[in-house]
Amino acid sequence: FNASAAPPAAASIADPIMFKNALVFQIEHWAPPTLPEMESRLDAARFIECGASQPESAGWVAPRGDKHAALAESVGGQVILKLCTETKAVPGGVVKTQLEAELDKIEQATGRRPKGKKARELKDHIVHSLLPRAFPKRGHTLVWLDAKAGLVLVDAASMKKADSVITRLVELLGGGLKLAPIQTALAPATAMAAWLADKEAPAGFSLDRDCELKQPDSEKATVRYARHTLDIDEVAEHIKAGKLPTQLAMTWASRVSFVLTENLALKKIKLLDVVMESAGRKTEGGEKDFDSDVAIATGELGLLIPQLIDALGGLQAPTVAAVVAPAQADASVPPWEALPA
């Protein structure tokens, strides 16, 4: 496929049903627990909502949505987990107003206005007293453990969010779990620049109509194209001038559209209608649909990700420190051996 032949980004697209984003980690070592053992460990870290004065809470919930369902869902050998996070925040303006009022009151009474440590302690006390009146905000993050590929996919667009989830997994699942972000021979920015300059996408992919180019210097000059053909000399000229792509909208096999970032994250993942139609996915809600959604999403992404890695020159040894559990297990036990198919 080439850029000139790419379908418009507004082509018939179905709503995403599982993963909206994807950051992929490679399993470098793991002697995994059985599925029942994994369920038991997840249950010990089950989500509990924030207490009255608790600013945040995180724990595992049932991916299926039913409170009484399993916390570790295995569908076709693919394990799906779901982390729930809840945060309570007090508006900064409210805290500032009350803090100033308290500081004024103390100054009038003592002749001295608290500063430094005392002012910070007073601020913390105000925040703590207001937390019970703060509205909680919840978020959910899906995790997919791919048994055959030895990969872990986190539904996150930023490494900061994904790292938080991965850290919890390592601490919880044990077995000497060792994970690292996948690294490819070609940096995504380098590959995207070549595709745009040559006006040709890698085999199996097409370039869509959204792109962001940024100058890698202190000024960070940025050019964005939205719903605009990228098969033009102007884009190539920006690349020749030194700008590098930080985001590029693409479509794989006319089945899945996504935005590839310079950090090898997949954002705004959408399944095209042909995927839904071929799977006969028509009904909504219910247990049967969860299994269908998992099968569709993991089936499509399970084919897309290896082809994208190939388009980026294949995998290379990770160059960053992996996340490692404290206890190392017997390396003779192959990863995923204990998980049922």
Protein backbone atom coordinates (compact mmCIF):
# COMPACT_ATOMS: atom_id res chain seq x y z
CA PHE A 1 0.00 0.00 0.00
CA ASN A 2 1.23 3.55 -0.62
CA ALA A 3 0.24 6.93 0.67
CA SER A 4 -1.59 7.96 -2.49
CA ALA A 5 -3.73 4.84 -2.34
CA ALA A 6 -4.57 5.18 1.34
CA PRO A 7 -8.28 5.37 2.19
CA PRO A 8 -9.44 8.60 3.83
CA ALA A 9 -9.29 8.62 7.60
CA ALA A 10 -13.05 9.14 7.69
CA ALA A 11 -13.72 5.75 6.06
CA SER A 12 -16.44 3.66 7.69
CA ILE A 13 -15.07 2.92 11.14
CA ALA A 14 -16.67 1.00 13.98
CA ASP A 15 -16.32 2.08 17.58
CA PRO A 16 -13.38 0.44 19.37
CA ILE A 17 -14.56 -2.40 21.58
CA MET A 18 -11.51 -3.23 23.67
CA PHE A 19 -8.18 -1.42 23.47
CA LYS A 20 -8.06 2.26 22.56
CA ASN A 21 -4.29 2.51 23.03
CA ALA A 22 -1.43 0.06 23.26
CA LEU A 23 2.05 0.04 24.78
CA VAL A 24 3.71 -3.35 24.39
CA PHE A 25 6.20 -4.98 26.77
CA GLN A 26 8.25 -8.09 26.13
CA ILE A 27 8.38 -10.91 28.68
CA GLU A 28 12.08 -11.63 29.14
CA HIS A 29 11.55 -14.15 31.93
CA TRP A 30 8.66 -15.55 33.92
CA ALA A 31 7.72 -18.73 35.72
CA PRO A 32 4.01 -17.93 35.87
CA PRO A 33 1.43 -19.04 38.41
CA THR A 34 -1.52 -21.12 37.33
CA LEU A 35 -4.68 -19.25 36.45
CA PRO A 36 -6.32 -20.12 39.84
CA GLU A 37 -3.19 -18.90 41.64
CA MET A 38 -3.23 -15.71 39.60
CA GLU A 39 -6.89 -15.22 40.50
CA SER A 40 -6.06 -15.62 44.19
CA ARG A 41 -3.29 -13.03 44.00
CA LEU A 42 -5.50 -10.57 42.13
CA ASP A 43 -8.25 -11.07 44.71
CA ALA A 44 -5.82 -10.04 47.45
CA ALA A 45 -5.29 -6.76 45.58
CA ARG A 46 -8.92 -6.22 44.62
CA PHE A 47 -10.04 -2.61 44.13
CA ILE A 48 -11.44 -0.80 47.17
CA GLU A 49 -12.81 2.72 46.74
CA CYS A 50 -11.08 5.65 48.43
CA GLY A 51 -11.76 6.24 52.08
CA ALA A 52 -13.10 9.59 53.24
CA SER A 53 -9.66 11.22 53.49
CA GLN A 54 -7.79 8.95 51.08
CA PRO A 55 -6.53 10.77 47.93
CA GLU A 56 -6.18 7.70 45.70
CA SER A 57 -6.77 3.98 45.47
CA ALA A 58 -6.03 1.28 42.89
CA GLY A 59 -6.86 -2.39 42.54
CA TRP A 60 -8.09 -5.10 40.20
CA VAL A 61 -11.68 -5.50 39.04
CA ALA A 62 -13.47 -8.04 36.86
CA PRO A 63 -12.82 -7.30 33.15
CA ARG A 64 -16.25 -8.67 32.31
CA GLY A 65 -17.92 -5.95 34.36
CA ASP A 66 -19.73 -8.32 36.73
CA LYS A 67 -18.65 -7.86 40.35
CA HIS A 68 -18.78 -11.61 40.89
CA ALA A 69 -16.88 -12.55 37.71
CA ALA A 70 -13.24 -13.63 37.56
CA LEU A 71 -10.49 -11.06 37.91
CA ALA A 72 -8.32 -12.96 35.42
CA GLU A 73 -10.31 -13.78 32.28
CA SER A 74 -8.85 -16.34 29.90
CA VAL A 75 -10.37 -16.31 26.42
CA GLY A 76 -8.78 -18.53 23.80
CA GLY A 77 -5.57 -18.65 25.85
CA GLN A 78 -5.38 -14.86 26.10
CA VAL A 79 -5.52 -13.48 29.65
CA ILE A 80 -7.27 -10.15 30.24
CA LEU A 81 -6.93 -8.13 33.45
CA LYS A 82 -8.41 -4.77 34.42
CA LEU A 83 -6.95 -2.24 36.85
CA CYS A 84 -9.25 0.35 38.40
CA THR A 85 -7.87 3.59 39.81
CA GLU A 86 -9.74 6.20 41.81
CA THR A 87 -8.44 9.64 42.69
CA LYS A 88 -9.87 12.47 44.77
CA ALA A 89 -8.51 15.94 44.21
CA VAL A 90 -9.32 19.21 45.91
CA PRO A 91 -9.33 22.25 43.54
CA GLY A 92 -6.13 24.23 43.95
CA GLY A 93 -8.03 27.51 44.00
CA VAL A 94 -10.10 26.40 46.99
CA VAL A 95 -7.00 25.29 48.89
CA LYS A 96 -5.22 28.57 48.13
CA THR A 97 -8.18 30.67 49.31
CA GLN A 98 -8.53 28.79 52.59
CA LEU A 99 -4.78 28.78 53.16
CA GLU A 100 -4.54 32.55 52.72
CA ALA A 101 -7.44 33.01 55.13
CA GLU A 102 -5.76 30.81 57.76
CA LEU A 103 -2.40 32.56 57.31
CA ASP A 104 -4.08 35.96 57.70
CA LYS A 105 -5.86 34.79 60.85
CA ILE A 106 -2.62 33.50 62.41
CA GLU A 107 -0.76 36.67 61.46
CA GLN A 108 -3.41 38.85 63.08
CA ALA A 109 -3.34 36.75 66.25
CA THR A 110 0.43 36.34 66.63
CA GLY A 111 1.91 39.10 64.51
CA ARG A 112 3.80 36.54 62.44
CA ARG A 113 2.81 34.95 59.15
CA PRO A 114 3.74 31.25 58.97
CA LYS A 115 6.19 30.36 56.20
CA GLY A 116 8.13 27.38 54.96
CA LYS A 117 7.46 24.10 56.76
CA LYS A 118 4.65 25.49 58.93
CA ALA A 119 2.81 26.90 55.90
CA ARG A 120 3.17 23.56 54.08
CA GLU A 121 1.84 21.66 57.10
CA LEU A 122 -1.14 24.00 57.25
CA LYS A 123 -1.79 23.48 53.55
CA ASP A 124 -1.65 19.69 53.96
CA HIS A 125 -4.11 19.92 56.84
CA ILE A 126 -6.54 21.93 54.69
CA VAL A 127 -6.30 19.43 51.83
CA HIS A 128 -6.86 16.53 54.25
CA SER A 129 -9.91 18.21 55.75
CA LEU A 130 -11.43 18.89 52.32
CA LEU A 131 -10.86 15.42 50.82
CA PRO A 132 -14.06 13.90 52.31
CA ARG A 133 -16.04 16.47 50.29
CA ALA A 134 -14.13 15.86 47.03
CA PHE A 135 -15.75 13.90 44.21
CA PRO A 136 -13.83 10.74 43.24
CA LYS A 137 -12.76 10.16 39.65
CA ARG A 138 -12.32 6.62 38.34
CA GLY A 139 -10.37 5.21 35.44
CA HIS A 140 -9.76 1.72 34.09
CA THR A 141 -6.77 0.19 32.31
CA LEU A 142 -6.96 -3.10 30.44
CA VAL A 143 -4.00 -5.46 30.40
CA TRP A 144 -3.56 -8.28 27.91
CA LEU A 145 -1.13 -11.13 28.61
CA ASP A 146 -0.31 -12.80 25.28
CA ALA A 147 0.75 -16.35 26.10
CA LYS A 148 2.09 -17.41 22.72
CA ALA A 149 3.93 -14.20 21.82
CA GLY A 150 5.39 -13.58 25.29
CA LEU A 151 4.08 -10.01 25.29
CA VAL A 152 2.13 -7.83 27.68
CA LEU A 153 -0.04 -5.07 26.22
CA VAL A 154 -1.23 -2.18 28.36
CA ASP A 155 -4.09 0.06 27.23
CA ALA A 156 -2.13 3.27 27.81
CA ALA A 157 -0.80 6.04 25.59
CA SER A 158 1.94 7.22 27.97
CA MET A 159 4.85 5.27 29.39
CA LYS A 160 4.26 6.85 32.81
CA LYS A 161 0.81 5.31 33.08
CA ALA A 162 1.95 1.97 31.66
CA ASP A 163 4.93 1.79 34.04
CA SER A 164 2.59 2.15 37.01
CA VAL A 165 0.52 -0.81 35.80
CA ILE A 166 3.58 -2.92 34.96
CA THR A 167 5.08 -2.29 38.41
CA ARG A 168 1.89 -3.60 40.01
CA LEU A 169 1.95 -6.69 37.78
CA VAL A 170 5.55 -7.49 38.67
CA GLU A 171 4.90 -7.13 42.39
CA LEU A 172 1.70 -9.16 42.22
CA LEU A 173 2.40 -12.04 39.84
CA GLY A 174 5.89 -12.97 41.01
CA GLY A 175 7.66 -15.89 39.36
CA GLY A 176 10.69 -13.74 38.57
CA LEU A 177 8.62 -11.71 36.12
CA LYS A 178 10.92 -9.57 34.01
CA LEU A 179 9.47 -7.12 31.49
CA ALA A 180 10.90 -4.46 29.21
CA PRO A 181 9.37 -2.16 26.57
CA ILE A 182 9.86 -3.60 23.10
CA GLN A 183 12.73 -2.01 21.20
CA THR A 184 12.96 -2.10 17.41
CA ALA A 185 15.97 -1.84 15.10
CA LEU A 186 14.57 1.35 13.59
CA ALA A 187 13.34 4.14 15.81
CA PRO A 188 9.67 4.88 14.98
CA ALA A 189 10.49 8.52 14.16
CA THR A 190 13.21 7.44 11.71
CA ALA A 191 10.94 4.92 10.01
CA MET A 192 7.99 7.32 9.81
CA ALA A 193 10.23 10.00 8.29
CA ALA A 194 11.36 7.55 5.58
CA TRP A 195 7.78 6.50 4.79
CA LEU A 196 6.66 10.10 4.45
CA ALA A 197 9.71 11.21 2.45
CA ASP A 198 9.33 8.26 0.05
CA LYS A 199 5.53 8.67 -0.01
CA GLU A 200 5.21 4.96 0.55
CA ALA A 201 4.04 2.98 3.57
CA PRO A 202 5.58 -0.36 4.56
CA ALA A 203 4.03 -3.54 3.13
CA GLY A 204 0.61 -4.27 4.60
CA PHE A 205 0.04 -0.70 5.80
CA SER A 206 -1.23 2.56 4.38
CA LEU A 207 -0.63 6.14 5.49
CA ASP A 208 -3.73 8.09 6.48
CA ARG A 209 -4.35 11.84 6.71
CA ASP A 210 -3.03 12.93 10.11
CA CYS A 211 0.57 13.66 11.07
CA GLU A 212 2.66 15.72 13.47
CA LEU A 213 6.22 16.83 12.69
CA LYS A 214 8.49 18.42 15.28
CA GLN A 215 11.93 19.99 15.15
CA PRO A 216 14.20 18.13 17.62
CA ASP A 217 15.76 21.24 19.17
CA SER A 218 15.06 23.63 22.00
CA GLU A 219 12.40 25.53 20.03
CA LYS A 220 10.42 22.36 19.16
CA ALA A 221 8.86 23.96 16.08
CA THR A 222 5.78 21.84 15.23
CA VAL A 223 3.72 21.29 12.08
CA ARG A 224 0.45 19.35 12.18
CA TYR A 225 -1.63 17.96 9.34
CA ALA A 226 -5.22 16.99 10.10
CA ARG A 227 -7.50 15.34 7.52
CA HIS A 228 -4.95 16.34 4.88
CA THR A 229 -3.23 14.25 2.24
CA LEU A 230 0.38 13.52 3.18
CA ASP A 231 1.43 12.60 -0.34
CA ILE A 232 2.80 16.08 -1.01
CA ASP A 233 6.27 17.58 -1.43
CA GLU A 234 5.66 19.98 1.45
CA VAL A 235 5.83 17.12 3.98
CA ALA A 236 9.08 15.84 2.49
CA GLU A 237 10.53 19.37 2.65
CA HIS A 238 9.77 19.58 6.37
CA ILE A 239 11.63 16.31 6.87
CA LYS A 240 14.59 17.53 4.81
CA ALA A 241 14.66 20.63 7.03
CA GLY A 242 15.17 18.39 10.05
CA LYS A 243 11.67 17.90 11.44
CA LEU A 244 10.83 14.38 12.60
CA PRO A 245 7.39 12.73 12.80
CA THR A 246 6.12 12.32 16.34
CA GLN A 247 2.70 10.95 15.32
CA LEU A 248 1.43 9.36 12.12
CA ALA A 249 -2.03 7.97 11.38
CA MET A 250 -1.93 4.58 9.65
CA THR A 251 -4.17 1.68 8.64
CA TRP A 252 -3.20 -1.98 8.70
CA ALA A 253 -4.60 -4.35 6.06
CA SER A 254 -7.70 -2.14 5.69
CA ARG A 255 -8.82 -3.62 9.03
CA VAL A 256 -7.40 -1.53 11.88
CA SER A 257 -6.57 2.19 11.98
CA PHE A 258 -4.29 3.71 14.60
CA VAL A 259 -1.81 6.52 15.30
CA LEU A 260 1.82 5.47 15.70
CA THR A 261 3.92 7.67 17.99
CA GLU A 262 7.66 8.26 18.30
CA ASN A 263 7.57 6.23 21.54
CA LEU A 264 6.18 3.16 19.76
CA ALA A 265 2.74 3.64 21.28
CA LEU A 266 -0.41 2.91 19.31
CA LYS A 267 -3.11 5.50 19.97
CA LYS A 268 -6.71 5.91 18.81
CA ILE A 269 -7.02 2.27 17.79
CA LYS A 270 -10.18 1.62 15.78
CA LEU A 271 -11.47 -1.50 14.09
CA LEU A 272 -12.84 -0.94 10.60
CA ASP A 273 -16.32 -2.14 9.76
CA VAL A 274 -15.00 -5.06 7.71
CA VAL A 275 -13.63 -6.60 10.93
CA MET A 276 -16.96 -6.37 12.71
CA GLU A 277 -18.91 -7.62 9.72
CA SER A 278 -16.65 -10.61 9.13
CA ALA A 279 -16.93 -11.52 12.81
CA GLY A 280 -20.72 -11.21 12.72
CA ARG A 281 -20.60 -8.86 15.73
CA LYS A 282 -24.08 -7.35 15.97
CA THR A 283 -25.42 -7.65 19.49
CA GLU A 284 -24.37 -5.55 22.45
CA GLY A 285 -23.87 -6.40 26.11
CA GLY A 286 -23.82 -9.77 27.79
CA GLU A 287 -21.21 -12.38 28.61
CA LYS A 288 -21.08 -13.82 25.10
CA ASP A 289 -20.14 -10.44 23.68
CA PHE A 290 -17.21 -10.02 26.07
CA ASP A 291 -15.66 -13.24 24.80
CA SER A 292 -16.33 -12.15 21.22
CA ASP A 293 -14.80 -8.74 21.80
CA VAL A 294 -11.67 -10.23 23.36
CA ALA A 295 -11.31 -12.69 20.49
CA ILE A 296 -11.73 -9.95 17.86
CA ALA A 297 -9.44 -7.40 19.51
CA THR A 298 -6.64 -9.81 20.42
CA GLY A 299 -6.94 -11.55 17.06
CA GLU A 300 -6.49 -8.35 15.06
CA LEU A 301 -3.82 -6.78 17.29
CA GLY A 302 -2.05 -10.11 17.55
CA LEU A 303 -1.47 -9.97 13.79
CA LEU A 304 -0.91 -6.20 13.52
CA ILE A 305 1.80 -5.85 16.18
CA PRO A 306 4.28 -8.40 14.73
CA GLN A 307 3.90 -6.85 11.26
CA LEU A 308 4.48 -3.38 12.67
CA ILE A 309 7.59 -4.62 14.48
CA ASP A 310 8.83 -6.11 11.20
CA ALA A 311 8.18 -2.78 9.44
CA LEU A 312 10.42 -1.16 12.07
CA GLY A 313 13.29 -3.55 11.37
CA GLY A 314 12.41 -6.23 13.89
CA LEU A 315 13.17 -6.51 17.60
CA GLN A 316 16.48 -5.67 19.17
CA ALA A 317 17.77 -6.31 22.67
CA PRO A 318 16.14 -3.87 25.14
CA THR A 319 18.34 -0.88 25.95
CA VAL A 320 16.49 0.12 29.11
CA ALA A 321 16.43 -1.56 32.49
CA ALA A 322 13.72 -4.15 32.77
CA VAL A 323 11.27 -4.31 35.63
CA VAL A 324 12.23 -7.31 37.74
CA ALA A 325 10.49 -9.01 40.62
CA PRO A 326 12.68 -9.42 43.73
CA ALA A 327 12.55 -13.23 43.73
CA GLN A 328 13.97 -14.97 40.65
CA ALA A 329 12.35 -18.26 39.78
CA ASP A 330 13.80 -21.35 38.10
CA ALA A 331 14.73 -20.28 34.56
CA SER A 332 14.16 -23.82 33.32
CA VAL A 333 10.41 -23.30 33.56
CA PRO A 334 9.26 -21.75 30.28
CA PRO A 335 6.98 -18.71 30.45
CA TRP A 336 3.25 -19.42 30.35
CA GLU A 337 3.68 -23.19 30.81
CA ALA A 338 1.33 -23.08 33.77
CA LEU A 339 -1.41 -21.14 31.98
CA PRO A 340 -4.21 -23.15 30.34
CA ALA A 341 -4.78 -22.79 26.61
